[in-house]
Amino acid sequence: MDLSRVTWRKSTRSGSSGNCIEVATPPQVVFVRDSKDRSGPVLAFEPAAWRVFIARVLR
């Protein structure tokens, strides 16, 4: 998949320090990257695994 064509979003909870991530959610996958290193590595998660991760973080 061409990652330059996906829409990246930064969390609305990101502070002014710049320490945040960006997420892209094309069908069937969730991509995550460091907003300060947009050409760096990208993690890919199955949507179900991402939902579990988010649920645990928000506890």
PDB file of N, CA and C in Angstrom:
ATOM      1  N   MET A   1       0.840  -1.179   0.000  1.00  0.00           N
ATOM      2  CA  MET A   1       0.000   0.000   0.000  1.00  0.00           C
ATOM      3  C   MET A   1       0.882   1.239   0.000  1.00  0.00           C
ATOM      4  N   ASP A   2       0.503   2.198  -0.809  1.00  0.00           N
ATOM      5  CA  ASP A   2       1.230   3.456  -0.900  1.00  0.00           C
ATOM      6  C   ASP A   2       0.811   4.355   0.265  1.00  0.00           C
ATOM      7  N   LEU A   3       1.677   4.483   1.271  1.00  0.00           N
ATOM      8  CA  LEU A   3       1.343   5.244   2.471  1.00  0.00           C
ATOM      9  C   LEU A   3       1.247   6.743   2.232  1.00  0.00           C
ATOM     10  N   SER A   4       1.734   7.215   1.103  1.00  0.00           N
ATOM     11  CA  SER A   4       1.595   8.647   0.803  1.00  0.00           C
ATOM     12  C   SER A   4       0.163   8.985   0.408  1.00  0.00           C
ATOM     13  N   ARG A   5      -0.651   7.979   0.148  1.00  0.00           N
ATOM     14  CA  ARG A   5      -2.035   8.212  -0.271  1.00  0.00           C
ATOM     15  C   ARG A   5      -3.048   8.067   0.855  1.00  0.00           C
ATOM     16  N   VAL A   6      -2.607   7.656   2.030  1.00  0.00           N
ATOM     17  CA  VAL A   6      -3.544   7.522   3.142  1.00  0.00           C
ATOM     18  C   VAL A   6      -3.642   8.854   3.880  1.00  0.00           C
ATOM     19  N   THR A   7      -4.742   9.043   4.589  1.00  0.00           N
ATOM     20  CA  THR A   7      -4.949  10.259   5.360  1.00  0.00           C
ATOM     21  C   THR A   7      -4.484  10.036   6.786  1.00  0.00           C
ATOM     22  N   TRP A   8      -3.476  10.786   7.198  1.00  0.00           N
ATOM     23  CA  TRP A   8      -2.924  10.693   8.546  1.00  0.00           C
ATOM     24  C   TRP A   8      -3.614  11.712   9.441  1.00  0.00           C
ATOM     25  N   ARG A   9      -3.917  11.306  10.674  1.00  0.00           N
ATOM     26  CA  ARG A   9      -4.542  12.201  11.648  1.00  0.00           C
ATOM     27  C   ARG A   9      -3.743  12.187  12.939  1.00  0.00           C
ATOM     28  N   LYS A  10      -3.586  13.364  13.526  1.00  0.00           N
ATOM     29  CA  LYS A  10      -2.899  13.481  14.812  1.00  0.00           C
ATOM     30  C   LYS A  10      -3.964  13.588  15.893  1.00  0.00           C
ATOM     31  N   SER A  11      -3.694  13.004  17.033  1.00  0.00           N
ATOM     32  CA  SER A  11      -4.640  13.025  18.140  1.00  0.00           C
ATOM     33  C   SER A  11      -4.988  14.447  18.546  1.00  0.00           C
ATOM     34  N   THR A  12      -6.250  14.663  18.872  1.00  0.00           N
ATOM     35  CA  THR A  12      -6.670  15.964  19.389  1.00  0.00           C
ATOM     36  C   THR A  12      -6.123  16.194  20.788  1.00  0.00           C
ATOM     37  N   ARG A  13      -5.624  15.151  21.422  1.00  0.00           N
ATOM     38  CA  ARG A  13      -5.038  15.266  22.758  1.00  0.00           C
ATOM     39  C   ARG A  13      -3.542  15.550  22.721  1.00  0.00           C
ATOM     40  N   SER A  14      -2.994  15.705  21.548  1.00  0.00           N
ATOM     41  CA  SER A  14      -1.568  16.001  21.424  1.00  0.00           C
ATOM     42  C   SER A  14      -1.279  17.376  21.987  1.00  0.00           C
ATOM     43  N   GLY A  15      -0.217  17.446  22.743  1.00  0.00           N
ATOM     44  CA  GLY A  15       0.175  18.726  23.329  1.00  0.00           C
ATOM     45  C   GLY A  15       1.088  19.504  22.410  1.00  0.00           C
ATOM     46  N   SER A  16       1.552  20.611  22.882  1.00  0.00           N
ATOM     47  CA  SER A  16       2.437  21.466  22.082  1.00  0.00           C
ATOM     48  C   SER A  16       3.885  20.972  22.073  1.00  0.00           C
ATOM     49  N   SER A  17       4.188  19.940  22.868  1.00  0.00           N
ATOM     50  CA  SER A  17       5.563  19.436  22.944  1.00  0.00           C
ATOM     51  C   SER A  17       5.982  18.697  21.676  1.00  0.00           C
ATOM     52  N   GLY A  18       5.015  18.262  20.873  1.00  0.00           N
ATOM     53  CA  GLY A  18       5.330  17.541  19.644  1.00  0.00           C
ATOM     54  C   GLY A  18       5.518  16.056  19.835  1.00  0.00           C
ATOM     55  N   ASN A  19       5.373  15.557  21.042  1.00  0.00           N
ATOM     56  CA  ASN A  19       5.507  14.123  21.304  1.00  0.00           C
ATOM     57  C   ASN A  19       4.168  13.442  21.079  1.00  0.00           C
ATOM     58  N   CYS A  20       3.939  13.035  19.841  1.00  0.00           N
ATOM     59  CA  CYS A  20       2.653  12.412  19.541  1.00  0.00           C
ATOM     60  C   CYS A  20       2.786  11.459  18.360  1.00  0.00           C
ATOM     61  N   ILE A  21       1.716  10.782  18.095  1.00  0.00           N
ATOM     62  CA  ILE A  21       1.671   9.861  16.970  1.00  0.00           C
ATOM     63  C   ILE A  21       0.603  10.317  15.994  1.00  0.00           C
ATOM     64  N   GLU A  22       0.679   9.759  14.801  1.00  0.00           N
ATOM     65  CA  GLU A  22      -0.352   9.954  13.797  1.00  0.00           C
ATOM     66  C   GLU A  22      -0.887   8.582  13.422  1.00  0.00           C
ATOM     67  N   VAL A  23      -2.168   8.550  13.079  1.00  0.00           N
ATOM     68  CA  VAL A  23      -2.839   7.290  12.761  1.00  0.00           C
ATOM     69  C   VAL A  23      -3.526   7.429  11.410  1.00  0.00           C
ATOM     70  N   ALA A  24      -3.452   6.379  10.612  1.00  0.00           N
ATOM     71  CA  ALA A  24      -4.185   6.296   9.350  1.00  0.00           C
ATOM     72  C   ALA A  24      -4.999   5.005   9.386  1.00  0.00           C
ATOM     73  N   THR A  25      -6.232   5.076   8.893  1.00  0.00           N
ATOM     74  CA  THR A  25      -7.112   3.911   9.003  1.00  0.00           C
ATOM     75  C   THR A  25      -7.771   3.546   7.675  1.00  0.00           C
ATOM     76  N   PRO A  26      -6.957   3.163   6.693  1.00  0.00           N
ATOM     77  CA  PRO A  26      -7.598   2.645   5.478  1.00  0.00           C
ATOM     78  C   PRO A  26      -8.256   1.300   5.813  1.00  0.00           C
ATOM     79  N   PRO A  27      -9.121   0.787   4.962  1.00  0.00           N
ATOM     80  CA  PRO A  27      -9.793  -0.480   5.287  1.00  0.00           C
ATOM     81  C   PRO A  27      -8.809  -1.607   5.629  1.00  0.00           C
ATOM     82  N   GLN A  28      -9.161  -2.374   6.613  1.00  0.00           N
ATOM     83  CA  GLN A  28      -8.465  -3.606   6.999  1.00  0.00           C
ATOM     84  C   GLN A  28      -7.150  -3.429   7.745  1.00  0.00           C
ATOM     85  N   VAL A  29      -6.739  -2.197   8.057  1.00  0.00           N
ATOM     86  CA  VAL A  29      -5.468  -2.005   8.754  1.00  0.00           C
ATOM     87  C   VAL A  29      -5.466  -0.635   9.451  1.00  0.00           C
ATOM     88  N   VAL A  30      -4.682  -0.539  10.531  1.00  0.00           N
ATOM     89  CA  VAL A  30      -4.466   0.738  11.212  1.00  0.00           C
ATOM     90  C   VAL A  30      -2.962   0.983  11.201  1.00  0.00           C
ATOM     91  N   PHE A  31      -2.547   2.097  10.608  1.00  0.00           N
ATOM     92  CA  PHE A  31      -1.141   2.458  10.565  1.00  0.00           C
ATOM     93  C   PHE A  31      -0.856   3.505  11.635  1.00  0.00           C
ATOM     94  N   VAL A  32       0.325   3.417  12.259  1.00  0.00           N
ATOM     95  CA  VAL A  32       0.735   4.361  13.291  1.00  0.00           C
ATOM     96  C   VAL A  32       2.172   4.786  13.004  1.00  0.00           C
ATOM     97  N   ARG A  33       2.431   6.095  13.134  1.00  0.00           N
ATOM     98  CA  ARG A  33       3.789   6.603  12.932  1.00  0.00           C
ATOM     99  C   ARG A  33       4.055   7.751  13.906  1.00  0.00           C
ATOM    100  N   ASP A  34       5.312   8.064  14.081  1.00  0.00           N
ATOM    101  CA  ASP A  34       5.750   9.184  14.904  1.00  0.00           C
ATOM    102  C   ASP A  34       5.554  10.467  14.097  1.00  0.00           C
ATOM    103  N   SER A  35       4.842  11.430  14.647  1.00  0.00           N
ATOM    104  CA  SER A  35       4.566  12.655  13.903  1.00  0.00           C
ATOM    105  C   SER A  35       5.818  13.485  13.632  1.00  0.00           C
ATOM    106  N   LYS A  36       6.884  13.279  14.401  1.00  0.00           N
ATOM    107  CA  LYS A  36       8.130  14.016  14.189  1.00  0.00           C
ATOM    108  C   LYS A  36       9.024  13.354  13.140  1.00  0.00           C
ATOM    109  N   ASP A  37       8.719  12.108  12.777  1.00  0.00           N
ATOM    110  CA  ASP A  37       9.545  11.362  11.821  1.00  0.00           C
ATOM    111  C   ASP A  37       8.636  10.705  10.793  1.00  0.00           C
ATOM    112  N   ARG A  38       8.017  11.514   9.975  1.00  0.00           N
ATOM    113  CA  ARG A  38       7.011  11.017   9.030  1.00  0.00           C
ATOM    114  C   ARG A  38       7.574  10.089   7.968  1.00  0.00           C
ATOM    115  N   SER A  39       8.864  10.107   7.750  1.00  0.00           N
ATOM    116  CA  SER A  39       9.460   9.184   6.784  1.00  0.00           C
ATOM    117  C   SER A  39      10.044   7.959   7.475  1.00  0.00           C
ATOM    118  N   GLY A  40       9.884   7.891   8.791  1.00  0.00           N
ATOM    119  CA  GLY A  40      10.412   6.766   9.565  1.00  0.00           C
ATOM    120  C   GLY A  40       9.507   5.552   9.514  1.00  0.00           C
ATOM    121  N   PRO A  41       9.742   4.609  10.415  1.00  0.00           N
ATOM    122  CA  PRO A  41       8.984   3.365  10.403  1.00  0.00           C
ATOM    123  C   PRO A  41       7.498   3.581  10.704  1.00  0.00           C
ATOM    124  N   VAL A  42       6.694   2.683  10.162  1.00  0.00           N
ATOM    125  CA  VAL A  42       5.247   2.701  10.361  1.00  0.00           C
ATOM    126  C   VAL A  42       4.833   1.341  10.920  1.00  0.00           C
ATOM    127  N   LEU A  43       4.072   1.356  11.988  1.00  0.00           N
ATOM    128  CA  LEU A  43       3.530   0.132  12.554  1.00  0.00           C
ATOM    129  C   LEU A  43       2.179  -0.137  11.919  1.00  0.00           C
ATOM    130  N   ALA A  44       1.837  -1.410  11.725  1.00  0.00           N
ATOM    131  CA  ALA A  44       0.543  -1.790  11.158  1.00  0.00           C
ATOM    132  C   ALA A  44      -0.153  -2.754  12.119  1.00  0.00           C
ATOM    133  N   PHE A  45      -1.407  -2.481  12.395  1.00  0.00           N
ATOM    134  CA  PHE A  45      -2.198  -3.303  13.310  1.00  0.00           C
ATOM    135  C   PHE A  45      -3.489  -3.744  12.632  1.00  0.00           C
ATOM    136  N   GLU A  46      -3.951  -4.934  12.990  1.00  0.00           N
ATOM    137  CA  GLU A  46      -5.296  -5.330  12.595  1.00  0.00           C
ATOM    138  C   GLU A  46      -6.257  -4.466  13.405  1.00  0.00           C
ATOM    139  N   PRO A  47      -7.384  -4.060  12.836  1.00  0.00           N
ATOM    140  CA  PRO A  47      -8.315  -3.196  13.568  1.00  0.00           C
ATOM    141  C   PRO A  47      -8.738  -3.747  14.934  1.00  0.00           C
ATOM    142  N   ALA A  48      -8.953  -5.043  15.057  1.00  0.00           N
ATOM    143  CA  ALA A  48      -9.353  -5.619  16.349  1.00  0.00           C
ATOM    144  C   ALA A  48      -8.247  -5.457  17.389  1.00  0.00           C
ATOM    145  N   ALA A  49      -6.999  -5.651  16.984  1.00  0.00           N
ATOM    146  CA  ALA A  49      -5.876  -5.485  17.909  1.00  0.00           C
ATOM    147  C   ALA A  49      -5.738  -4.028  18.323  1.00  0.00           C
ATOM    148  N   TRP A  50      -5.975  -3.100  17.416  1.00  0.00           N
ATOM    149  CA  TRP A  50      -5.908  -1.676  17.737  1.00  0.00           C
ATOM    150  C   TRP A  50      -6.998  -1.304  18.741  1.00  0.00           C
ATOM    151  N   ARG A  51      -8.217  -1.831  18.565  1.00  0.00           N
ATOM    152  CA  ARG A  51      -9.301  -1.548  19.510  1.00  0.00           C
ATOM    153  C   ARG A  51      -8.955  -2.040  20.905  1.00  0.00           C
ATOM    154  N   VAL A  52      -8.354  -3.221  21.015  1.00  0.00           N
ATOM    155  CA  VAL A  52      -7.933  -3.752  22.317  1.00  0.00           C
ATOM    156  C   VAL A  52      -6.872  -2.843  22.929  1.00  0.00           C
ATOM    157  N   PHE A  53      -5.898  -2.437  22.148  1.00  0.00           N
ATOM    158  CA  PHE A  53      -4.847  -1.543  22.638  1.00  0.00           C
ATOM    159  C   PHE A  53      -5.447  -0.245  23.178  1.00  0.00           C
ATOM    160  N   ILE A  54      -6.305   0.389  22.403  1.00  0.00           N
ATOM    161  CA  ILE A  54      -6.914   1.657  22.819  1.00  0.00           C
ATOM    162  C   ILE A  54      -7.752   1.465  24.083  1.00  0.00           C
ATOM    163  N   ALA A  55      -8.508   0.390  24.154  1.00  0.00           N
ATOM    164  CA  ALA A  55      -9.333   0.133  25.342  1.00  0.00           C
ATOM    165  C   ALA A  55      -8.463  -0.002  26.596  1.00  0.00           C
ATOM    166  N   ARG A  56      -7.330  -0.648  26.466  1.00  0.00           N
ATOM    167  CA  ARG A  56      -6.433  -0.823  27.616  1.00  0.00           C
ATOM    168  C   ARG A  56      -5.738   0.483  27.989  1.00  0.00           C
ATOM    169  N   VAL A  57      -5.393   1.288  27.017  1.00  0.00           N
ATOM    170  CA  VAL A  57      -4.759   2.576  27.301  1.00  0.00           C
ATOM    171  C   VAL A  57      -5.724   3.508  28.027  1.00  0.00           C
ATOM    172  N   LEU A  58      -6.981   3.456  27.670  1.00  0.00           N
ATOM    173  CA  LEU A  58      -7.973   4.363  28.244  1.00  0.00           C
ATOM    174  C   LEU A  58      -8.497   3.924  29.610  1.00  0.00           C
ATOM    175  N   ARG A  59      -8.054   2.802  30.103  1.00  0.00           N
ATOM    176  CA  ARG A  59      -8.495   2.351  31.424  1.00  0.00           C
ATOM    177  C   ARG A  59      -8.040   3.268  32.494  1.00  0.00           C
TER     178      ARG A  59
END
